C-alpha cells in the first residue's frame, strides 16, 4: 500500500466505528433540574443543602451529581471510596483538599479529582458561603449515604459514622482537615 493511501485509510478508520448503544433503563430524554431544586423529593445531607442534580437512576448507575452549599467552615473526615471516583468543581468560596499525601487550595472555577482507593477530604476555609458541584462516578451508594446522613436526629458517634461510611462503600481513615 502506498504511503498516501495508508494515511488516508488510517485517518478514515475512526469514522467507521459504530456509535455505542445504551441499556434500556438509561434515561432516553433530557433530565432538567431547575436552579435550587433537587432531582427527587429527598433530603440529602445533614446541616447543609445537598441538591441532587442527576441521579444514578438517570444514568444506569454510571454517575450522580450533587450541588452542595456549605455555610460553615470545615468538612468531612479523611475517607476512602473503595469503588467510586469523586470529582469536585468549586463554584463559590475557597476549599482546602487533601488527596493522598498532597494538599491543595481551590477557589471558584478550580476542580480536582479524588480517585477511588485514595484517601481524601476537603474543608470549606473561606468566610461566607461555599458552593461546589460533586460528581460521583460510578454513582455507587452515594445517594443513599446522603439520605441517611440527612435523617440523623443527633451528631453520630465515631463508631456510628464509621458504620455509616462502611455500609456505603467507604471508610473513615483519619480526621477532618484543620481549619485555619
N, C-alpha and C. Protein backbone atom coordinates (compact mmCIF):
# COMPACT_ATOMS: atom_id res chain seq x y z
N UNK A 1 0.86 -1.17 0.00
CA UNK A 1 0.00 0.00 0.00
C UNK A 1 0.90 1.23 0.00
N UNK A 2 0.58 2.17 -0.85
CA UNK A 2 1.36 3.38 -0.90
C UNK A 2 1.14 4.18 0.36
N UNK A 3 2.12 5.00 0.71
CA UNK A 3 2.09 5.77 1.95
C UNK A 3 0.84 6.67 2.02
N UNK A 4 0.52 7.37 0.95
CA UNK A 4 -0.64 8.26 0.95
C UNK A 4 -1.93 7.47 1.15
N UNK A 5 -2.09 6.34 0.49
CA UNK A 5 -3.30 5.52 0.64
C UNK A 5 -3.41 5.00 2.07
N UNK A 6 -2.27 4.59 2.65
CA UNK A 6 -2.27 4.10 4.04
C UNK A 6 -2.72 5.20 5.00
N UNK A 7 -2.14 6.41 4.83
CA UNK A 7 -2.51 7.51 5.71
C UNK A 7 -3.97 7.87 5.57
N UNK A 8 -4.47 7.90 4.33
CA UNK A 8 -5.87 8.22 4.10
C UNK A 8 -6.77 7.19 4.75
N UNK A 9 -6.46 5.90 4.60
CA UNK A 9 -7.30 4.86 5.20
C UNK A 9 -7.17 4.87 6.72
N UNK A 10 -6.00 5.21 7.26
CA UNK A 10 -5.81 5.28 8.70
C UNK A 10 -6.63 6.40 9.32
N UNK A 11 -6.69 7.53 8.64
CA UNK A 11 -7.46 8.66 9.15
C UNK A 11 -8.96 8.40 9.06
N UNK A 12 -9.38 7.64 8.09
CA UNK A 12 -10.81 7.36 7.91
C UNK A 12 -11.30 6.27 8.85
N UNK A 13 -10.42 5.42 9.33
CA UNK A 13 -10.82 4.27 10.16
C UNK A 13 -11.67 4.65 11.37
N UNK A 14 -11.31 5.68 12.11
CA UNK A 14 -12.15 6.00 13.27
C UNK A 14 -13.58 6.38 12.90
N UNK A 15 -13.81 6.84 11.70
CA UNK A 15 -15.15 7.21 11.28
C UNK A 15 -16.03 5.99 11.06
N UNK A 16 -15.45 4.80 10.93
CA UNK A 16 -16.20 3.59 10.69
C UNK A 16 -16.69 2.94 11.99
N UNK A 17 -16.29 3.45 13.13
CA UNK A 17 -16.68 2.87 14.41
C UNK A 17 -18.16 3.15 14.66
N UNK A 18 -18.88 2.09 15.09
CA UNK A 18 -20.31 2.25 15.39
C UNK A 18 -20.52 3.04 16.66
N UNK A 19 -21.60 3.81 16.71
CA UNK A 19 -21.97 4.55 17.92
C UNK A 19 -22.35 3.56 19.01
N UNK A 20 -22.01 3.86 20.27
CA UNK A 20 -22.35 2.94 21.35
C UNK A 20 -23.86 2.87 21.57
N UNK A 21 -24.30 1.73 22.07
CA UNK A 21 -25.70 1.58 22.44
C UNK A 21 -25.78 1.56 23.96
N UNK A 22 -26.94 1.93 24.51
CA UNK A 22 -27.11 2.04 25.94
C UNK A 22 -28.19 1.08 26.42
N UNK A 23 -28.07 0.63 27.67
CA UNK A 23 -29.10 -0.25 28.22
C UNK A 23 -30.46 0.42 28.20
N UNK A 24 -31.52 -0.39 28.18
CA UNK A 24 -32.88 0.13 28.09
C UNK A 24 -33.29 0.98 29.28
N UNK A 25 -32.68 0.77 30.47
CA UNK A 25 -33.12 1.52 31.63
C UNK A 25 -32.40 2.85 31.81
N UNK A 26 -31.55 3.21 30.91
CA UNK A 26 -30.90 4.52 30.95
C UNK A 26 -31.87 5.58 30.45
N UNK A 27 -31.75 6.80 30.98
CA UNK A 27 -32.64 7.89 30.56
C UNK A 27 -32.57 8.07 29.05
N UNK A 28 -33.72 8.25 28.45
CA UNK A 28 -33.79 8.41 27.00
C UNK A 28 -34.27 9.81 26.61
N UNK A 29 -34.32 10.69 27.61
CA UNK A 29 -34.71 12.06 27.34
C UNK A 29 -33.93 12.96 28.29
N UNK A 30 -34.02 14.24 28.05
CA UNK A 30 -33.29 15.20 28.88
C UNK A 30 -33.74 15.11 30.34
N UNK A 31 -32.80 15.36 31.24
CA UNK A 31 -33.09 15.43 32.66
C UNK A 31 -32.84 16.88 33.07
N UNK A 32 -33.91 17.62 33.34
CA UNK A 32 -33.80 19.03 33.70
C UNK A 32 -34.10 19.20 35.19
N UNK A 33 -33.22 19.91 35.89
CA UNK A 33 -33.44 20.25 37.29
C UNK A 33 -33.18 21.75 37.41
N UNK A 34 -34.19 22.49 37.83
CA UNK A 34 -34.07 23.95 37.93
C UNK A 34 -33.13 24.34 39.07
N UNK A 35 -32.58 25.52 38.96
CA UNK A 35 -31.70 26.06 39.99
C UNK A 35 -32.40 26.02 41.35
N UNK A 36 -31.68 25.56 42.36
CA UNK A 36 -32.21 25.49 43.71
C UNK A 36 -33.08 24.28 43.99
N UNK A 37 -33.30 23.42 43.00
CA UNK A 37 -34.15 22.26 43.16
C UNK A 37 -33.36 20.96 43.22
N UNK A 38 -34.00 19.94 43.78
CA UNK A 38 -33.50 18.58 43.84
C UNK A 38 -34.09 17.78 42.69
N UNK A 39 -33.39 16.77 42.25
CA UNK A 39 -33.90 15.86 41.21
C UNK A 39 -35.06 15.04 41.75
N UNK A 40 -35.02 14.68 43.03
CA UNK A 40 -36.06 13.85 43.66
C UNK A 40 -36.51 14.49 44.97
N UNK A 41 -37.58 14.01 45.53
CA UNK A 41 -38.09 14.54 46.79
C UNK A 41 -37.43 13.85 47.97
N UNK A 42 -36.20 14.13 48.21
CA UNK A 42 -35.45 13.57 49.34
C UNK A 42 -34.61 14.68 49.94
N UNK A 43 -34.23 14.51 51.21
CA UNK A 43 -33.30 15.42 51.86
C UNK A 43 -31.94 14.74 51.85
N UNK A 44 -30.95 15.41 51.32
CA UNK A 44 -29.61 14.85 51.21
C UNK A 44 -28.66 15.62 52.12
N UNK A 45 -28.02 14.91 53.04
CA UNK A 45 -27.03 15.53 53.91
C UNK A 45 -27.64 16.13 55.15
N UNK A 46 -26.80 16.40 56.11
CA UNK A 46 -27.24 16.95 57.39
C UNK A 46 -26.64 18.34 57.57
N UNK A 47 -27.48 19.33 57.83
CA UNK A 47 -26.99 20.66 58.17
C UNK A 47 -26.56 21.53 57.02
N UNK A 48 -26.54 21.02 55.81
CA UNK A 48 -26.17 21.83 54.66
C UNK A 48 -26.94 21.30 53.45
N UNK A 49 -27.35 22.17 52.55
CA UNK A 49 -28.10 21.71 51.39
C UNK A 49 -27.21 20.92 50.42
N UNK A 50 -27.58 19.69 50.17
CA UNK A 50 -27.01 18.86 49.12
C UNK A 50 -28.12 18.65 48.12
N UNK A 51 -28.05 19.28 46.96
CA UNK A 51 -29.07 19.14 45.95
C UNK A 51 -28.65 18.09 44.94
N UNK A 52 -29.43 17.03 44.82
CA UNK A 52 -29.17 16.01 43.81
C UNK A 52 -29.57 16.58 42.45
N UNK A 53 -28.61 16.72 41.56
CA UNK A 53 -28.87 17.29 40.25
C UNK A 53 -29.04 16.22 39.18
N UNK A 54 -28.37 15.08 39.35
CA UNK A 54 -28.50 13.95 38.42
C UNK A 54 -28.38 12.68 39.25
N UNK A 55 -29.39 11.84 39.17
CA UNK A 55 -29.43 10.62 39.96
C UNK A 55 -28.73 9.47 39.24
N UNK A 56 -28.20 8.55 40.01
CA UNK A 56 -27.67 7.32 39.43
C UNK A 56 -28.75 6.56 38.68
N UNK A 57 -30.00 6.75 39.06
CA UNK A 57 -31.12 6.11 38.36
C UNK A 57 -31.28 6.67 36.95
N UNK A 58 -30.85 7.90 36.73
CA UNK A 58 -30.90 8.51 35.41
C UNK A 58 -29.82 7.98 34.49
N UNK A 59 -28.75 7.44 35.07
CA UNK A 59 -27.56 7.08 34.28
C UNK A 59 -27.21 5.60 34.37
N UNK A 60 -28.19 4.78 34.80
CA UNK A 60 -27.94 3.36 34.97
C UNK A 60 -26.76 3.12 35.92
N UNK A 61 -26.63 4.01 36.92
CA UNK A 61 -25.59 3.87 37.92
C UNK A 61 -24.23 4.41 37.50
N UNK A 62 -24.13 4.99 36.32
CA UNK A 62 -22.82 5.46 35.84
C UNK A 62 -22.29 6.64 36.64
N UNK A 63 -23.16 7.57 37.07
CA UNK A 63 -22.71 8.70 37.87
C UNK A 63 -23.89 9.37 38.53
N UNK A 64 -23.61 10.16 39.55
CA UNK A 64 -24.60 11.05 40.14
C UNK A 64 -23.90 12.36 40.45
N UNK A 65 -24.67 13.43 40.47
CA UNK A 65 -24.11 14.77 40.64
C UNK A 65 -24.89 15.52 41.72
N UNK A 66 -24.14 16.11 42.65
CA UNK A 66 -24.72 16.93 43.71
C UNK A 66 -24.19 18.35 43.61
N UNK A 67 -25.02 19.30 44.00
CA UNK A 67 -24.58 20.68 44.22
C UNK A 67 -24.69 20.91 45.73
N UNK A 68 -23.58 21.24 46.35
CA UNK A 68 -23.53 21.36 47.80
C UNK A 68 -23.23 22.79 48.19
N UNK A 69 -23.99 23.30 49.15
CA UNK A 69 -23.75 24.62 49.71
C UNK A 69 -23.30 24.45 51.15
N UNK A 70 -22.18 25.08 51.50
CA UNK A 70 -21.60 24.97 52.83
C UNK A 70 -21.65 26.36 53.48
N UNK A 71 -22.22 26.44 54.68
CA UNK A 71 -22.33 27.73 55.34
C UNK A 71 -21.30 27.92 56.44
N UNK A 72 -20.74 26.85 56.96
CA UNK A 72 -19.71 26.96 57.98
C UNK A 72 -18.38 26.47 57.46
N UNK A 73 -17.36 26.62 58.28
CA UNK A 73 -16.04 26.12 57.90
C UNK A 73 -15.93 24.65 58.28
N UNK A 74 -15.01 23.93 57.61
CA UNK A 74 -14.77 22.53 57.93
C UNK A 74 -15.25 21.61 56.83
N UNK A 75 -15.20 20.30 57.14
CA UNK A 75 -15.59 19.30 56.16
C UNK A 75 -15.57 17.91 56.75
N UNK A 76 -15.71 16.89 55.91
CA UNK A 76 -15.80 15.51 56.37
C UNK A 76 -14.43 14.98 56.82
N UNK A 77 -14.44 13.83 57.50
CA UNK A 77 -13.17 13.21 57.87
C UNK A 77 -12.45 12.68 56.63
N UNK A 78 -11.17 12.43 56.78
CA UNK A 78 -10.39 11.78 55.73
C UNK A 78 -11.01 10.41 55.49
N UNK A 79 -11.33 10.12 54.24
CA UNK A 79 -12.02 8.87 53.94
C UNK A 79 -11.60 8.33 52.58
N UNK A 80 -11.97 7.08 52.33
CA UNK A 80 -11.65 6.40 51.08
C UNK A 80 -12.95 5.86 50.49
N UNK A 81 -13.14 6.08 49.20
CA UNK A 81 -14.20 5.42 48.44
C UNK A 81 -13.52 4.22 47.78
N UNK A 82 -13.99 3.03 48.07
CA UNK A 82 -13.33 1.84 47.54
C UNK A 82 -13.61 1.61 46.06
N UNK A 83 -14.75 2.10 45.55
CA UNK A 83 -15.10 1.81 44.16
C UNK A 83 -15.67 3.02 43.41
N UNK A 84 -15.48 4.23 43.94
CA UNK A 84 -16.08 5.42 43.34
C UNK A 84 -15.05 6.55 43.26
N UNK A 85 -14.95 7.18 42.08
CA UNK A 85 -14.16 8.40 41.94
C UNK A 85 -15.04 9.58 42.35
N UNK A 86 -14.42 10.62 42.92
CA UNK A 86 -15.16 11.80 43.35
C UNK A 86 -14.48 13.03 42.74
N UNK A 87 -15.26 13.79 41.94
CA UNK A 87 -14.73 14.98 41.27
C UNK A 87 -15.43 16.20 41.84
N UNK A 88 -14.65 17.23 42.15
CA UNK A 88 -15.15 18.44 42.78
C UNK A 88 -14.89 19.64 41.86
N UNK A 89 -15.90 20.52 41.72
CA UNK A 89 -15.75 21.75 40.97
C UNK A 89 -16.25 22.88 41.88
N UNK A 90 -15.37 23.80 42.20
CA UNK A 90 -15.70 24.88 43.12
C UNK A 90 -16.49 25.97 42.38
N UNK A 91 -17.65 26.32 42.92
CA UNK A 91 -18.50 27.36 42.33
C UNK A 91 -18.38 28.68 43.07
N UNK A 92 -18.14 28.60 44.38
CA UNK A 92 -18.09 29.80 45.21
C UNK A 92 -17.29 29.48 46.47
N UNK A 93 -16.52 30.44 46.95
CA UNK A 93 -15.74 30.25 48.18
C UNK A 93 -14.39 29.61 47.91
N UNK A 94 -13.76 29.21 49.01
CA UNK A 94 -12.42 28.60 48.93
C UNK A 94 -12.42 27.33 49.78
N UNK A 95 -11.78 26.29 49.24
CA UNK A 95 -11.74 24.99 49.90
C UNK A 95 -10.31 24.45 49.93
N UNK A 96 -9.96 23.80 51.02
CA UNK A 96 -8.69 23.08 51.12
C UNK A 96 -9.00 21.60 50.87
N UNK A 97 -8.10 20.92 50.19
CA UNK A 97 -8.25 19.50 49.90
C UNK A 97 -6.99 18.76 50.30
N UNK A 98 -7.16 17.55 50.74
CA UNK A 98 -6.06 16.61 50.89
C UNK A 98 -6.46 15.38 50.09
N UNK A 99 -5.62 15.04 49.12
CA UNK A 99 -5.85 13.85 48.31
C UNK A 99 -4.54 13.07 48.32
N UNK A 100 -4.59 11.88 48.93
CA UNK A 100 -3.35 11.14 49.17
C UNK A 100 -2.49 11.94 50.12
N UNK A 101 -1.26 12.19 49.76
CA UNK A 101 -0.34 12.96 50.60
C UNK A 101 -0.23 14.43 50.17
N UNK A 102 -0.98 14.81 49.13
CA UNK A 102 -0.90 16.17 48.61
C UNK A 102 -2.03 17.04 49.18
N UNK A 103 -1.73 18.32 49.36
CA UNK A 103 -2.75 19.27 49.78
C UNK A 103 -2.89 20.35 48.71
N UNK A 104 -4.10 20.87 48.59
CA UNK A 104 -4.43 21.84 47.55
C UNK A 104 -5.36 22.89 48.15
N UNK A 105 -5.34 24.06 47.56
CA UNK A 105 -6.29 25.12 47.94
C UNK A 105 -6.99 25.53 46.65
N UNK A 106 -8.30 25.38 46.61
CA UNK A 106 -9.07 25.66 45.41
C UNK A 106 -10.04 26.81 45.64
N UNK A 107 -10.25 27.57 44.57
CA UNK A 107 -11.20 28.69 44.60
C UNK A 107 -12.16 28.53 43.43
N UNK A 108 -13.12 29.42 43.32
CA UNK A 108 -14.14 29.33 42.28
C UNK A 108 -13.52 29.11 40.90
N UNK A 109 -14.04 28.12 40.22
CA UNK A 109 -13.56 27.77 38.88
C UNK A 109 -12.59 26.61 38.87
N UNK A 110 -11.96 26.31 40.02
CA UNK A 110 -11.00 25.20 40.09
C UNK A 110 -11.73 23.87 40.26
N UNK A 111 -11.08 22.79 39.84
CA UNK A 111 -11.64 21.46 40.04
C UNK A 111 -10.52 20.48 40.38
N UNK A 112 -10.91 19.34 40.98
CA UNK A 112 -9.93 18.34 41.39
C UNK A 112 -10.62 16.97 41.47
N UNK A 113 -9.86 15.93 41.21
CA UNK A 113 -10.37 14.56 41.28
C UNK A 113 -9.81 13.85 42.50
N UNK A 114 -10.69 13.20 43.25
CA UNK A 114 -10.29 12.29 44.32
C UNK A 114 -10.50 10.88 43.80
N UNK A 115 -9.45 10.21 43.32
CA UNK A 115 -9.62 8.89 42.72
C UNK A 115 -10.03 7.83 43.76
N UNK A 116 -10.79 6.85 43.31
CA UNK A 116 -11.17 5.74 44.17
C UNK A 116 -9.92 5.09 44.76
N UNK A 117 -10.03 4.66 45.99
CA UNK A 117 -8.92 3.99 46.64
C UNK A 117 -7.89 4.92 47.25
N UNK A 118 -8.03 6.23 47.04
CA UNK A 118 -7.06 7.20 47.56
C UNK A 118 -7.75 8.02 48.67
N UNK A 119 -7.17 8.04 49.88
CA UNK A 119 -7.78 8.83 50.96
C UNK A 119 -7.86 10.30 50.57
N UNK A 120 -9.00 10.92 50.90
CA UNK A 120 -9.17 12.34 50.58
C UNK A 120 -10.17 12.98 51.53
N UNK A 121 -10.07 14.30 51.61
CA UNK A 121 -11.02 15.09 52.36
C UNK A 121 -10.96 16.52 51.85
N UNK A 122 -11.91 17.32 52.30
CA UNK A 122 -11.94 18.73 51.93
C UNK A 122 -12.47 19.52 53.11
N UNK A 123 -12.20 20.81 53.10
CA UNK A 123 -12.74 21.70 54.13
C UNK A 123 -13.02 23.06 53.51
N UNK A 124 -14.19 23.60 53.81
CA UNK A 124 -14.51 24.97 53.42
C UNK A 124 -13.69 25.86 54.34
N UNK A 125 -12.87 26.75 53.78
CA UNK A 125 -11.95 27.55 54.60
C UNK A 125 -12.17 29.05 54.49
N UNK A 126 -13.08 29.48 53.63
CA UNK A 126 -13.30 30.92 53.48
C UNK A 126 -14.51 31.37 54.30
N UNK A 127 -14.59 32.68 54.48
CA UNK A 127 -15.76 33.26 55.16
C UNK A 127 -16.95 33.19 54.23
N UNK A 128 -18.13 33.19 54.78
CA UNK A 128 -19.34 33.19 53.96
C UNK A 128 -19.69 31.82 53.43
N UNK A 129 -20.42 31.83 52.34
CA UNK A 129 -20.93 30.60 51.74
C UNK A 129 -19.90 29.99 50.80
N UNK A 130 -19.84 28.66 50.81
CA UNK A 130 -19.06 27.91 49.84
C UNK A 130 -20.02 27.04 49.05
N UNK A 131 -19.75 26.89 47.78
CA UNK A 131 -20.64 26.07 46.95
C UNK A 131 -19.78 25.28 45.97
N UNK A 132 -20.13 24.01 45.78
CA UNK A 132 -19.38 23.19 44.85
C UNK A 132 -20.29 22.13 44.22
N UNK A 133 -19.89 21.68 43.05
CA UNK A 133 -20.52 20.55 42.39
C UNK A 133 -19.64 19.34 42.66
N UNK A 134 -20.29 18.23 43.03
CA UNK A 134 -19.56 16.98 43.29
C UNK A 134 -20.14 15.90 42.40
N UNK A 135 -19.27 15.24 41.63
CA UNK A 135 -19.68 14.16 40.74
C UNK A 135 -19.09 12.86 41.28
N UNK A 136 -19.94 11.85 41.42
CA UNK A 136 -19.50 10.52 41.84
C UNK A 136 -19.63 9.60 40.64
N UNK A 137 -18.53 8.89 40.32
CA UNK A 137 -18.52 8.01 39.17
C UNK A 137 -17.82 6.70 39.51
N UNK A 138 -18.52 5.55 39.45
CA UNK A 138 -19.96 5.42 39.24
C UNK A 138 -20.73 5.98 40.44
N UNK A 139 -22.05 6.00 40.31
CA UNK A 139 -22.88 6.59 41.36
C UNK A 139 -22.73 5.86 42.69
N UNK A 140 -22.48 4.57 42.64
CA UNK A 140 -22.33 3.80 43.87
C UNK A 140 -23.55 3.96 44.77
N UNK A 141 -23.29 4.09 46.05
CA UNK A 141 -24.36 4.22 47.04
C UNK A 141 -24.41 5.63 47.63
N UNK A 142 -23.92 6.60 46.88
CA UNK A 142 -23.78 7.94 47.43
C UNK A 142 -25.12 8.61 47.72
N UNK A 143 -26.12 8.40 46.90
CA UNK A 143 -27.43 8.99 47.18
C UNK A 143 -27.97 8.45 48.50
N UNK A 144 -27.90 7.14 48.70
CA UNK A 144 -28.36 6.54 49.96
C UNK A 144 -27.54 7.02 51.15
N UNK A 145 -26.25 7.22 50.94
CA UNK A 145 -25.38 7.72 52.01
C UNK A 145 -25.87 9.10 52.48
N UNK A 146 -26.12 10.00 51.53
CA UNK A 146 -26.54 11.36 51.90
C UNK A 146 -27.98 11.38 52.44
N UNK A 147 -28.85 10.49 51.94
CA UNK A 147 -30.20 10.40 52.51
C UNK A 147 -30.11 9.99 53.97
N UNK A 148 -29.29 8.97 54.27
CA UNK A 148 -29.10 8.53 55.66
C UNK A 148 -28.53 9.62 56.53
N UNK A 149 -27.59 10.38 56.00
CA UNK A 149 -27.00 11.49 56.75
C UNK A 149 -28.04 12.55 57.07
N UNK A 150 -28.96 12.79 56.15
CA UNK A 150 -29.99 13.80 56.33
C UNK A 150 -31.05 13.41 57.34
N UNK A 151 -31.16 12.12 57.64
CA UNK A 151 -32.18 11.65 58.58
C UNK A 151 -31.70 11.58 60.03
N UNK A 152 -30.45 11.94 60.26
CA UNK A 152 -29.93 11.90 61.64
C UNK A 152 -30.64 12.91 62.52
N UNK A 153 -30.90 12.50 63.74
CA UNK A 153 -31.52 13.39 64.72
C UNK A 153 -30.49 14.02 65.65
N UNK A 154 -29.29 13.46 65.63
CA UNK A 154 -28.22 13.94 66.51
C UNK A 154 -26.88 13.66 65.83
N UNK A 155 -25.83 14.25 66.38
CA UNK A 155 -24.49 14.01 65.85
C UNK A 155 -24.10 12.57 66.15
N UNK A 156 -23.67 11.79 65.15
CA UNK A 156 -23.32 10.39 65.39
C UNK A 156 -22.00 10.24 66.14
N UNK A 157 -21.86 9.12 66.82
CA UNK A 157 -20.59 8.79 67.46
C UNK A 157 -19.59 8.41 66.36
N UNK A 158 -18.32 8.31 66.71
CA UNK A 158 -17.30 7.89 65.75
C UNK A 158 -17.62 6.51 65.20
N UNK A 159 -18.08 5.61 66.05
CA UNK A 159 -18.41 4.25 65.62
C UNK A 159 -19.61 4.26 64.67
N UNK A 160 -20.62 5.08 64.97
CA UNK A 160 -21.79 5.17 64.09
C UNK A 160 -21.41 5.77 62.74
N UNK A 161 -20.54 6.77 62.74
CA UNK A 161 -20.09 7.37 61.47
C UNK A 161 -19.34 6.33 60.64
N UNK A 162 -18.42 5.61 61.26
CA UNK A 162 -17.66 4.59 60.53
C UNK A 162 -18.59 3.53 59.95
N UNK A 163 -19.58 3.10 60.74
CA UNK A 163 -20.53 2.09 60.26
C UNK A 163 -21.33 2.63 59.06
N UNK A 164 -21.73 3.89 59.13
CA UNK A 164 -22.48 4.52 58.03
C UNK A 164 -21.61 4.60 56.77
N UNK A 165 -20.38 5.01 56.92
CA UNK A 165 -19.46 5.07 55.78
C UNK A 165 -19.27 3.67 55.18
N UNK A 166 -18.97 2.68 56.01
CA UNK A 166 -18.72 1.31 55.53
C UNK A 166 -19.94 0.72 54.83
N UNK A 167 -21.13 1.02 55.35
CA UNK A 167 -22.35 0.50 54.73
C UNK A 167 -22.57 1.04 53.32
N UNK A 168 -21.83 2.10 52.97
CA UNK A 168 -21.98 2.72 51.66
C UNK A 168 -20.69 2.71 50.84
N UNK A 169 -19.82 1.73 51.10
CA UNK A 169 -18.64 1.52 50.27
C UNK A 169 -17.47 2.43 50.55
N UNK A 170 -17.44 3.04 51.76
CA UNK A 170 -16.35 3.95 52.12
C UNK A 170 -15.81 3.57 53.49
N UNK A 171 -14.72 4.21 53.85
CA UNK A 171 -14.14 4.00 55.17
C UNK A 171 -13.48 5.29 55.64
N UNK A 172 -13.69 5.63 56.89
CA UNK A 172 -13.01 6.77 57.50
C UNK A 172 -11.61 6.31 57.89
N UNK A 173 -10.60 7.08 57.46
CA UNK A 173 -9.22 6.70 57.73
C UNK A 173 -8.42 7.77 58.46
N UNK A 174 -9.09 8.87 58.83
CA UNK A 174 -8.39 9.95 59.54
C UNK A 174 -9.32 11.08 59.87
N UNK A 175 -8.80 12.09 60.54
CA UNK A 175 -9.63 13.23 60.96
C UNK A 175 -9.90 14.20 59.82
N UNK A 176 -10.84 15.12 60.02
CA UNK A 176 -11.06 16.20 59.03
C UNK A 176 -9.81 17.08 58.93
N UNK A 177 -9.74 17.87 57.88
CA UNK A 177 -8.66 18.85 57.75
C UNK A 177 -8.84 19.93 58.81
N UNK A 178 -7.75 20.39 59.40
CA UNK A 178 -7.88 21.52 60.33
C UNK A 178 -8.24 22.78 59.54
N UNK A 179 -9.05 23.64 60.15
CA UNK A 179 -9.44 24.89 59.51
C UNK A 179 -8.71 26.01 60.21
N UNK A 180 -8.03 26.83 59.44
CA UNK A 180 -7.22 27.93 59.99
C UNK A 180 -8.08 29.06 60.49
